[in-house]
C-alpha atoms as a PDB file:
ATOM      1  CA  MET A   1       0.000   0.001  -0.001  1.00  0.00           C
ATOM      2  CA  PHE A   2       2.957   2.320   0.500  1.00  0.00           C
ATOM      3  CA  LYS A   3       5.268   3.640  -2.185  1.00  0.00           C
ATOM      4  CA  LYS A   4       8.202   6.018  -2.323  1.00  0.00           C
ATOM      5  CA  ALA A   5       7.082   9.639  -2.101  1.00  0.00           C
ATOM      6  CA  THR A   6       8.072  11.804  -5.066  1.00  0.00           C
ATOM      7  CA  LYS A   7       7.484  15.468  -5.791  1.00  0.00           C
ATOM      8  CA  ALA A   8       5.017  16.068  -8.595  1.00  0.00           C
ATOM      9  CA  GLN A   9       4.354  19.199 -10.591  1.00  0.00           C
ATOM     10  CA  SER A  10       1.391  21.071  -9.176  1.00  0.00           C
ATOM     11  CA  LYS A  11      -0.735  24.203  -9.365  1.00  0.00           C
ATOM     12  CA  LEU A  12      -0.461  27.000  -6.846  1.00  0.00           C
ATOM     13  CA  ARG A  13      -3.151  27.590  -4.236  1.00  0.00           C
ATOM     14  CA  ALA A  14      -2.364  30.950  -2.639  1.00  0.00           C
ATOM     15  CA  ALA A  15      -4.310  33.393  -0.488  1.00  0.00           C
ATOM     16  CA  ILE A  16      -3.405  37.032   0.104  1.00  0.00           C
ATOM     17  CA  TYR A  17      -5.139  38.879   2.916  1.00  0.00           C
ATOM     18  CA  GLY A  18      -4.889  42.315   4.468  1.00  0.00           C
ATOM     19  CA  PRO A  19      -6.759  45.506   5.344  1.00  0.00           C
ATOM     20  CA  ALA A  20      -8.158  48.025   2.876  1.00  0.00           C
ATOM     21  CA  GLY A  21      -5.416  49.811   0.981  1.00  0.00           C
ATOM     22  CA  SER A  22      -2.817  47.088   1.449  1.00  0.00           C
ATOM     23  CA  GLY A  23      -2.762  46.278  -2.275  1.00  0.00           C
ATOM     24  CA  LYS A  24      -4.319  42.820  -2.424  1.00  0.00           C
ATOM     25  CA  THR A  25      -5.630  43.222  -5.974  1.00  0.00           C
ATOM     26  CA  PHE A  26      -2.464  44.775  -7.388  1.00  0.00           C
ATOM     27  CA  THR A  27      -0.247  42.219  -5.637  1.00  0.00           C
ATOM     28  CA  SER A  28      -2.336  39.321  -6.965  1.00  0.00           C
ATOM     29  CA  LEU A  29      -2.028  40.590 -10.522  1.00  0.00           C
ATOM     30  CA  SER A  30       1.701  41.197 -10.110  1.00  0.00           C
ATOM     31  CA  VAL A  31       2.383  37.679  -8.805  1.00  0.00           C
ATOM     32  CA  ALA A  32       0.050  36.103 -11.392  1.00  0.00           C
ATOM     33  CA  THR A  33       2.034  37.715 -14.202  1.00  0.00           C
ATOM     34  CA  GLY A  34       5.040  35.651 -13.134  1.00  0.00           C
ATOM     35  CA  LEU A  35       3.010  32.449 -12.867  1.00  0.00           C
ATOM     36  CA  GLY A  36       1.517  32.334 -16.353  1.00  0.00           C
ATOM     37  CA  LYS A  37       0.581  34.210 -19.506  1.00  0.00           C
ATOM     38  CA  ARG A  38      -3.221  33.884 -19.571  1.00  0.00           C
ATOM     39  CA  ILE A  39      -4.874  35.310 -16.467  1.00  0.00           C
ATOM     40  CA  ALA A  40      -8.577  35.125 -15.561  1.00  0.00           C
ATOM     41  CA  PHE A  41      -9.975  37.390 -12.860  1.00  0.00           C
ATOM     42  CA  ILE A  42     -13.208  36.945 -10.894  1.00  0.00           C
ATOM     43  CA  ASP A  43     -14.091  40.423  -9.660  1.00  0.00           C
ATOM     44  CA  THR A  44     -16.562  40.864  -6.812  1.00  0.00           C
ATOM     45  CA  GLU A  45     -15.366  44.414  -6.064  1.00  0.00           C
ATOM     46  CA  ARG A  46     -17.617  46.207  -8.575  1.00  0.00           C
ATOM     47  CA  GLY A  47     -15.112  46.518 -11.397  1.00  0.00           C
ATOM     48  CA  SER A  48     -12.112  47.588  -9.316  1.00  0.00           C
ATOM     49  CA  ALA A  49      -9.799  45.115 -11.058  1.00  0.00           C
ATOM     50  CA  SER A  50     -10.310  46.707 -14.465  1.00  0.00           C
ATOM     51  CA  LYS A  51      -8.691  49.883 -13.186  1.00  0.00           C
ATOM     52  CA  TYR A  52      -5.409  47.993 -13.516  1.00  0.00           C
ATOM     53  CA  SER A  53      -6.029  46.918 -17.115  1.00  0.00           C
ATOM     54  CA  ASP A  54      -3.477  49.467 -18.329  1.00  0.00           C
ATOM     55  CA  ARG A  55      -0.818  47.749 -16.209  1.00  0.00           C
ATOM     56  CA  PHE A  56      -1.697  44.077 -16.628  1.00  0.00           C
ATOM     57  CA  ASP A  57      -3.142  41.842 -19.354  1.00  0.00           C
ATOM     58  CA  PHE A  58      -6.067  39.752 -18.067  1.00  0.00           C
ATOM     59  CA  ASP A  59      -9.672  38.767 -18.730  1.00  0.00           C
ATOM     60  CA  VAL A  60     -12.287  39.666 -16.140  1.00  0.00           C
ATOM     61  CA  CYS A  61     -15.604  38.232 -15.014  1.00  0.00           C
ATOM     62  CA  GLU A  62     -17.592  40.658 -12.858  1.00  0.00           C
ATOM     63  CA  LEU A  63     -20.103  38.847 -10.670  1.00  0.00           C
ATOM     64  CA  GLU A  64     -23.442  40.618 -10.385  1.00  0.00           C
ATOM     65  CA  GLU A  65     -24.315  38.583  -7.282  1.00  0.00           C
ATOM     66  CA  ASN A  66     -21.721  36.939  -5.061  1.00  0.00           C
ATOM     67  CA  THR A  67     -23.487  33.615  -4.519  1.00  0.00           C
ATOM     68  CA  LEU A  68     -21.455  30.435  -4.119  1.00  0.00           C
ATOM     69  CA  GLY A  69     -23.146  29.097  -7.221  1.00  0.00           C
ATOM     70  CA  ASN A  70     -21.927  32.044  -9.290  1.00  0.00           C
ATOM     71  CA  TYR A  71     -18.399  31.653  -7.948  1.00  0.00           C
ATOM     72  CA  ILE A  72     -18.353  27.957  -8.841  1.00  0.00           C
ATOM     73  CA  THR A  73     -19.745  28.616 -12.317  1.00  0.00           C
ATOM     74  CA  ALA A  74     -17.083  31.269 -12.957  1.00  0.00           C
ATOM     75  CA  ILE A  75     -14.318  28.941 -11.753  1.00  0.00           C
ATOM     76  CA  GLY A  76     -15.603  26.319 -14.171  1.00  0.00           C
ATOM     77  CA  GLN A  77     -15.532  28.840 -17.020  1.00  0.00           C
ATOM     78  CA  ALA A  78     -11.912  29.712 -16.220  1.00  0.00           C
ATOM     79  CA  VAL A  79     -11.029  26.025 -16.399  1.00  0.00           C
ATOM     80  CA  GLU A  80     -12.953  25.619 -19.654  1.00  0.00           C
ATOM     81  CA  GLY A  81     -11.126  28.663 -21.050  1.00  0.00           C
ATOM     82  CA  LYS A  82      -7.752  26.983 -20.342  1.00  0.00           C
ATOM     83  CA  TYR A  83      -6.337  29.943 -18.438  1.00  0.00           C
ATOM     84  CA  ASP A  84      -2.986  29.601 -16.679  1.00  0.00           C
ATOM     85  CA  VAL A  85      -3.940  31.567 -13.566  1.00  0.00           C
ATOM     86  CA  LEU A  86      -7.221  32.435 -11.856  1.00  0.00           C
ATOM     87  CA  ILE A  87      -7.511  35.304  -9.382  1.00  0.00           C
ATOM     88  CA  ILE A  88     -10.562  35.415  -7.121  1.00  0.00           C
ATOM     89  CA  ASP A  89     -10.988  38.872  -5.601  1.00  0.00           C
ATOM     90  CA  SER A  90     -12.334  38.317  -3.088  1.00  0.00           C
ATOM     91  CA  LEU A  91     -13.153  35.135  -1.198  1.00  0.00           C
ATOM     92  CA  THR A  92     -14.617  37.243   1.589  1.00  0.00           C
ATOM     93  CA  HIS A  93     -17.752  38.079  -0.398  1.00  0.00           C
ATOM     94  CA  ALA A  94     -18.483  34.366  -0.830  1.00  0.00           C
ATOM     95  CA  TRP A  95     -18.294  33.901   2.929  1.00  0.00           C
ATOM     96  CA  LYS A  96     -20.555  36.872   3.648  1.00  0.00           C
ATOM     97  CA  ASP A  97     -23.119  35.571   1.168  1.00  0.00           C
ATOM     98  CA  LEU A  98     -23.038  32.140   2.851  1.00  0.00           C
ATOM     99  CA  LEU A  99     -23.526  33.703   6.290  1.00  0.00           C
ATOM    100  CA  GLU A 100     -26.598  35.541   5.000  1.00  0.00           C
ATOM    101  CA  GLU A 101     -27.903  32.342   3.436  1.00  0.00           C
ATOM    102  CA  VAL A 102     -27.435  30.321   6.635  1.00  0.00           C
ATOM    103  CA  ASP A 103     -29.154  33.072   8.627  1.00  0.00           C
ATOM    104  CA  LEU A 104     -32.107  32.938   6.218  1.00  0.00           C
ATOM    105  CA  LEU A 105     -32.236  29.129   6.447  1.00  0.00           C
ATOM    106  CA  ALA A 106     -32.254  29.341  10.235  1.00  0.00           C
ATOM    107  CA  LYS A 107     -35.198  31.743  10.198  1.00  0.00           C
ATOM    108  CA  THR A 108     -37.288  30.067   7.511  1.00  0.00           C
ATOM    109  CA  LYS A 109     -36.523  26.362   7.795  1.00  0.00           C
ATOM    110  CA  PHE A 110     -34.984  25.604  11.188  1.00  0.00           C
ATOM    111  CA  ARG A 111     -37.078  27.755  13.539  1.00  0.00           C
ATOM    112  CA  GLY A 112     -34.205  30.067  14.392  1.00  0.00           C
ATOM    113  CA  ASN A 113     -31.709  27.261  15.032  1.00  0.00           C
ATOM    114  CA  SER A 114     -28.525  28.423  13.276  1.00  0.00           C
ATOM    115  CA  TRP A 115     -26.661  25.278  14.354  1.00  0.00           C
ATOM    116  CA  SER A 116     -29.083  23.139  12.327  1.00  0.00           C
ATOM    117  CA  ALA A 117     -28.890  25.589   9.414  1.00  0.00           C
ATOM    118  CA  TRP A 118     -25.157  24.953   9.147  1.00  0.00           C
ATOM    119  CA  SER A 119     -25.958  21.328   8.300  1.00  0.00           C
ATOM    120  CA  GLU A 120     -26.734  22.741   4.856  1.00  0.00           C
ATOM    121  CA  GLY A 121     -24.302  25.649   4.934  1.00  0.00           C
ATOM    122  CA  THR A 122     -21.167  23.600   5.621  1.00  0.00           C
ATOM    123  CA  PRO A 123     -21.529  21.298   2.558  1.00  0.00           C
ATOM    124  CA  ARG A 124     -21.998  24.388   0.373  1.00  0.00           C
ATOM    125  CA  GLN A 125     -18.802  25.922   1.709  1.00  0.00           C
ATOM    126  CA  ARG A 126     -17.015  22.606   1.166  1.00  0.00           C
ATOM    127  CA  SER A 127     -18.199  22.451  -2.446  1.00  0.00           C
ATOM    128  CA  PHE A 128     -16.872  25.968  -3.039  1.00  0.00           C
ATOM    129  CA  ILE A 129     -13.476  25.096  -1.565  1.00  0.00           C
ATOM    130  CA  ASP A 130     -13.362  21.835  -3.534  1.00  0.00           C
ATOM    131  CA  ALA A 131     -13.992  23.764  -6.764  1.00  0.00           C
ATOM    132  CA  ILE A 132     -10.962  25.944  -5.981  1.00  0.00           C
ATOM    133  CA  ILE A 133      -8.663  23.134  -4.856  1.00  0.00           C
ATOM    134  CA  GLY A 134      -9.565  20.861  -7.758  1.00  0.00           C
ATOM    135  CA  ALA A 135      -9.204  23.453 -10.514  1.00  0.00           C
ATOM    136  CA  PRO A 136      -6.323  22.497 -12.868  1.00  0.00           C
ATOM    137  CA  LEU A 137      -4.804  25.991 -12.932  1.00  0.00           C
ATOM    138  CA  HIS A 138      -3.017  28.305 -10.507  1.00  0.00           C
ATOM    139  CA  VAL A 139      -5.425  30.032  -8.112  1.00  0.00           C
ATOM    140  CA  ILE A 140      -4.801  33.183  -6.092  1.00  0.00           C
ATOM    141  CA  GLY A 141      -7.573  34.283  -3.758  1.00  0.00           C
ATOM    142  CA  THR A 142      -7.751  37.500  -1.773  1.00  0.00           C
ATOM    143  CA  MET A 143      -9.443  37.966   1.577  1.00  0.00           C
ATOM    144  CA  ARG A 144     -10.343  41.075   3.489  1.00  0.00           C
ATOM    145  CA  THR A 145      -9.451  41.413   7.154  1.00  0.00           C
ATOM    146  CA  LYS A 146     -11.169  43.218   9.947  1.00  0.00           C
ATOM    147  CA  THR A 147      -9.287  46.447  10.536  1.00  0.00           C
ATOM    148  CA  ASP A 148      -8.072  47.793  13.860  1.00  0.00           C
ATOM    149  CA  TRP A 149      -5.998  50.772  14.932  1.00  0.00           C
ATOM    150  CA  LEU A 150      -2.805  50.333  16.942  1.00  0.00           C
ATOM    151  CA  VAL A 151      -1.633  53.182  19.184  1.00  0.00           C
ATOM    152  CA  GLY A 152       2.101  53.307  19.823  1.00  0.00           C
ATOM    153  CA  GLU A 153       4.997  55.643  20.465  1.00  0.00           C
ATOM    154  CA  SER A 154       7.791  56.723  18.126  1.00  0.00           C
ATOM    155  CA  ALA A 155      11.484  56.898  19.022  1.00  0.00           C
ATOM    156  CA  ARG A 156      11.003  60.596  19.728  1.00  0.00           C
ATOM    157  CA  GLY A 157       8.199  59.946  22.165  1.00  0.00           C
ATOM    158  CA  LYS A 158       5.372  61.010  19.882  1.00  0.00           C
ATOM    159  CA  THR A 159       2.136  59.072  19.734  1.00  0.00           C
ATOM    160  CA  THR A 160       1.703  57.050  16.537  1.00  0.00           C
ATOM    161  CA  ILE A 161      -1.431  55.446  15.153  1.00  0.00           C
ATOM    162  CA  SER A 162      -1.185  52.668  12.584  1.00  0.00           C
ATOM    163  CA  ARG A 163      -3.824  50.599  10.823  1.00  0.00           C
ATOM    164  CA  VAL A 164      -3.498  46.827  11.125  1.00  0.00           C
ATOM    165  CA  GLY A 165      -5.440  43.865   9.778  1.00  0.00           C
ATOM    166  CA  LEU A 166      -6.683  41.040  11.965  1.00  0.00           C
ATOM    167  CA  ALA A 167      -7.887  37.580  10.962  1.00  0.00           C
ATOM    168  CA  PRO A 168      -9.066  37.068   7.359  1.00  0.00           C
ATOM    169  CA  GLU A 169     -12.812  37.227   6.823  1.00  0.00           C
ATOM    170  CA  GLN A 170     -13.576  33.724   5.599  1.00  0.00           C
ATOM    171  CA  GLY A 171     -14.559  30.359   7.044  1.00  0.00           C
ATOM    172  CA  LYS A 172     -12.804  28.900  10.060  1.00  0.00           C
ATOM    173  CA  GLY A 173      -9.814  26.805   9.004  1.00  0.00           C
ATOM    174  CA  ILE A 174      -9.588  28.326   5.512  1.00  0.00           C
ATOM    175  CA  GLU A 175      -5.814  28.666   5.969  1.00  0.00           C
ATOM    176  CA  TYR A 176      -5.409  24.884   5.768  1.00  0.00           C
ATOM    177  CA  GLU A 177      -6.630  24.848   2.165  1.00  0.00           C
ATOM    178  CA  PHE A 178      -3.763  26.856   0.664  1.00  0.00           C
ATOM    179  CA  ASP A 179      -0.117  26.147  -0.162  1.00  0.00           C
ATOM    180  CA  LEU A 180       0.852  29.730   0.530  1.00  0.00           C
ATOM    181  CA  LEU A 181      -0.656  32.329   2.829  1.00  0.00           C
ATOM    182  CA  MET A 182       0.556  35.907   2.681  1.00  0.00           C
ATOM    183  CA  GLU A 183      -0.502  38.713   4.968  1.00  0.00           C
ATOM    184  CA  ILE A 184       0.091  42.077   3.360  1.00  0.00           C
ATOM    185  CA  SER A 185       0.413  45.331   5.289  1.00  0.00           C
ATOM    186  CA  THR A 186      -0.684  48.845   4.417  1.00  0.00           C
ATOM    187  CA  GLU A 187       2.988  49.473   3.534  1.00  0.00           C
ATOM    188  CA  HIS A 188       2.607  46.722   0.880  1.00  0.00           C
ATOM    189  CA  VAL A 189       5.008  44.349   2.616  1.00  0.00           C
ATOM    190  CA  GLY A 190       4.019  40.709   2.327  1.00  0.00           C
ATOM    191  CA  HIS A 191       4.592  38.409   5.295  1.00  0.00           C
ATOM    192  CA  VAL A 192       4.534  34.748   4.279  1.00  0.00           C
ATOM    193  CA  VAL A 193       2.847  33.011   7.200  1.00  0.00           C
ATOM    194  CA  LYS A 194       2.507  29.624   5.493  1.00  0.00           C
ATOM    195  CA  ASP A 195       4.597  28.173   2.704  1.00  0.00           C
ATOM    196  CA  ARG A 196       4.690  24.575   1.496  1.00  0.00           C
ATOM    197  CA  THR A 197       7.606  25.297  -0.827  1.00  0.00           C
ATOM    198  CA  GLY A 198       9.815  25.750   2.234  1.00  0.00           C
ATOM    199  CA  LYS A 199      11.620  28.631   0.548  1.00  0.00           C
ATOM    200  CA  PHE A 200       9.663  31.644   1.764  1.00  0.00           C
ATOM    201  CA  GLN A 201       8.362  30.681   5.211  1.00  0.00           C
ATOM    202  CA  ASP A 202       8.243  33.764   7.486  1.00  0.00           C
ATOM    203  CA  ALA A 203       9.852  35.900   4.768  1.00  0.00           C
ATOM    204  CA  LEU A 204       9.048  39.595   4.481  1.00  0.00           C
ATOM    205  CA  ILE A 205       8.706  40.571   0.816  1.00  0.00           C
ATOM    206  CA  ASP A 206       8.544  44.230  -0.140  1.00  0.00           C
ATOM    207  CA  LYS A 207       5.882  44.710  -2.819  1.00  0.00           C
ATOM    208  CA  PRO A 208       5.597  41.083  -4.054  1.00  0.00           C
ATOM    209  CA  ASP A 209       5.798  41.128  -7.850  1.00  0.00           C
ATOM    210  CA  ALA A 210       6.166  39.015 -10.991  1.00  0.00           C
ATOM    211  CA  GLU A 211       9.632  37.874  -9.928  1.00  0.00           C
ATOM    212  CA  PHE A 212       8.114  36.291  -6.834  1.00  0.00           C
ATOM    213  CA  GLY A 213       5.573  34.596  -9.098  1.00  0.00           C
ATOM    214  CA  LYS A 214       8.382  33.233 -11.276  1.00  0.00           C
ATOM    215  CA  GLN A 215      10.127  31.773  -8.237  1.00  0.00           C
ATOM    216  CA  LEU A 216       6.915  30.047  -7.197  1.00  0.00           C
ATOM    217  CA  HIS A 217       6.400  28.765 -10.747  1.00  0.00           C
ATOM    218  CA  ALA A 218       9.918  27.278 -10.804  1.00  0.00           C
ATOM    219  CA  TRP A 219       9.192  25.288  -7.642  1.00  0.00           C
ATOM    220  CA  LEU A 220       5.755  24.169  -8.817  1.00  0.00           C
ATOM    221  CA  THR A 221       7.069  22.831 -12.145  1.00  0.00           C
ATOM    222  CA  ASP A 222       9.997  20.964 -10.578  1.00  0.00           C
ATOM    223  CA  GLY A 223       9.021  17.312 -10.404  1.00  0.00           C
ATOM    224  CA  GLU A 224       7.184  14.537 -12.168  1.00  0.00           C
ATOM    225  CA  ILE A 225       4.080  15.329 -14.190  1.00  0.00           C
ATOM    226  CA  ALA A 226       1.096  14.414 -12.042  1.00  0.00           C
ATOM    227  CA  GLU A 227      -1.653  12.259 -13.483  1.00  0.00           C
ATOM    228  CA  ASN A 228      -4.970  14.067 -13.561  1.00  0.00           C
ATOM    229  CA  THR A 229      -7.357  11.562 -12.007  1.00  0.00           C
ATOM    230  CA  ILE A 230     -10.143  14.053 -11.355  1.00  0.00           C
ATOM    231  CA  ASP A 231     -12.918  14.709 -13.864  1.00  0.00           C
ATOM    232  CA  TYR A 232     -13.161  18.405 -13.113  1.00  0.00           C
ATOM    233  CA  ALA A 233     -16.294  18.928 -15.211  1.00  0.00           C
ATOM    234  CA  LYS A 234     -18.076  16.317 -13.094  1.00  0.00           C
ATOM    235  CA  LYS A 235     -16.651  17.857  -9.929  1.00  0.00           C
ATOM    236  CA  ILE A 236     -18.064  21.254 -10.847  1.00  0.00           C
ATOM    237  CA  PHE A 237     -21.421  19.665 -11.743  1.00  0.00           C
ATOM    238  CA  ASP A 238     -21.600  17.872  -8.400  1.00  0.00           C
ATOM    239  CA  ALA A 239     -20.674  21.079  -6.575  1.00  0.00           C
ATOM    240  CA  GLU A 240     -23.455  22.987  -8.292  1.00  0.00           C
ATOM    241  CA  GLN A 241     -25.935  20.342  -7.122  1.00  0.00           C
ATOM    242  CA  VAL A 242     -24.855  20.923  -3.522  1.00  0.00           C
ATOM    243  CA  VAL A 243     -24.916  24.696  -3.907  1.00  0.00           C
ATOM    244  CA  SER A 244     -28.605  24.815  -4.639  1.00  0.00           C
ATOM    245  CA  ALA A 245     -29.040  28.586  -4.318  1.00  0.00           C
ATOM    246  CA  GLU A 246     -30.259  30.220  -7.508  1.00  0.00           C
ATOM    247  CA  THR A 247     -27.540  31.767  -9.633  1.00  0.00           C
ATOM    248  CA  THR A 248     -27.775  34.854 -11.789  1.00  0.00           C
ATOM    249  CA  PRO A 249     -26.355  35.111 -15.306  1.00  0.00           C
ATOM    250  CA  ILE A 250     -22.677  36.029 -15.191  1.00  0.00           C
ATOM    251  CA  THR A 251     -20.448  37.598 -17.785  1.00  0.00           C
ATOM    252  CA  LYS A 252     -18.052  35.068 -19.281  1.00  0.00           C
ATOM    253  CA  PHE A 253     -14.347  35.773 -19.427  1.00  0.00           C
END
């Protein structure tokens, strides 16, 4: 039953999180440029990504409604379009939509019992995560963080106030799903808090860019070619059955 472990080529699963103004969107596009040539972008930020279209070459899908079903459909379209990299900006909107859905289920179906409502909410979240993890392309997801203000003192004794991000706004345990987790500050410095490559753990990277993406790509393509044993089209279909919420028409890439 056991066999010698060997490193296989793989696709990146990365998450970038930070407070407003930290540069999550720009950083994602910068890193993606080093990972591959054809970039797809799922935009839930009301067209904010397209403001960078003069700096980066990518195709965008702007979701009109941030339901899990719409996310999964858009991920499937990116796979069908044979893109090299998919950016999802942001994963936080999917989580907020699920919270609203579970709250509605609790009120209308489970007599106010939110614990019972999660018996339907958890499988939907799992289907969404499975669609991301199983996609045969590089995926970079962004997450918002709750923002707080830190009061300190400078070397000259003056009071300083700085904005900091707290935990990412997504489901509990989301950090386990990614190969690389990067927290980015308002000074645009990325702190790698999780790294399965073993090369960047705990590193502080000033303005992560395409060169960082190239370094990740080199590690990901070093190894044997993995056999694709997953029928992704079927996986997406099964996920859409679990995510039974109605979807709205979305713009294709």
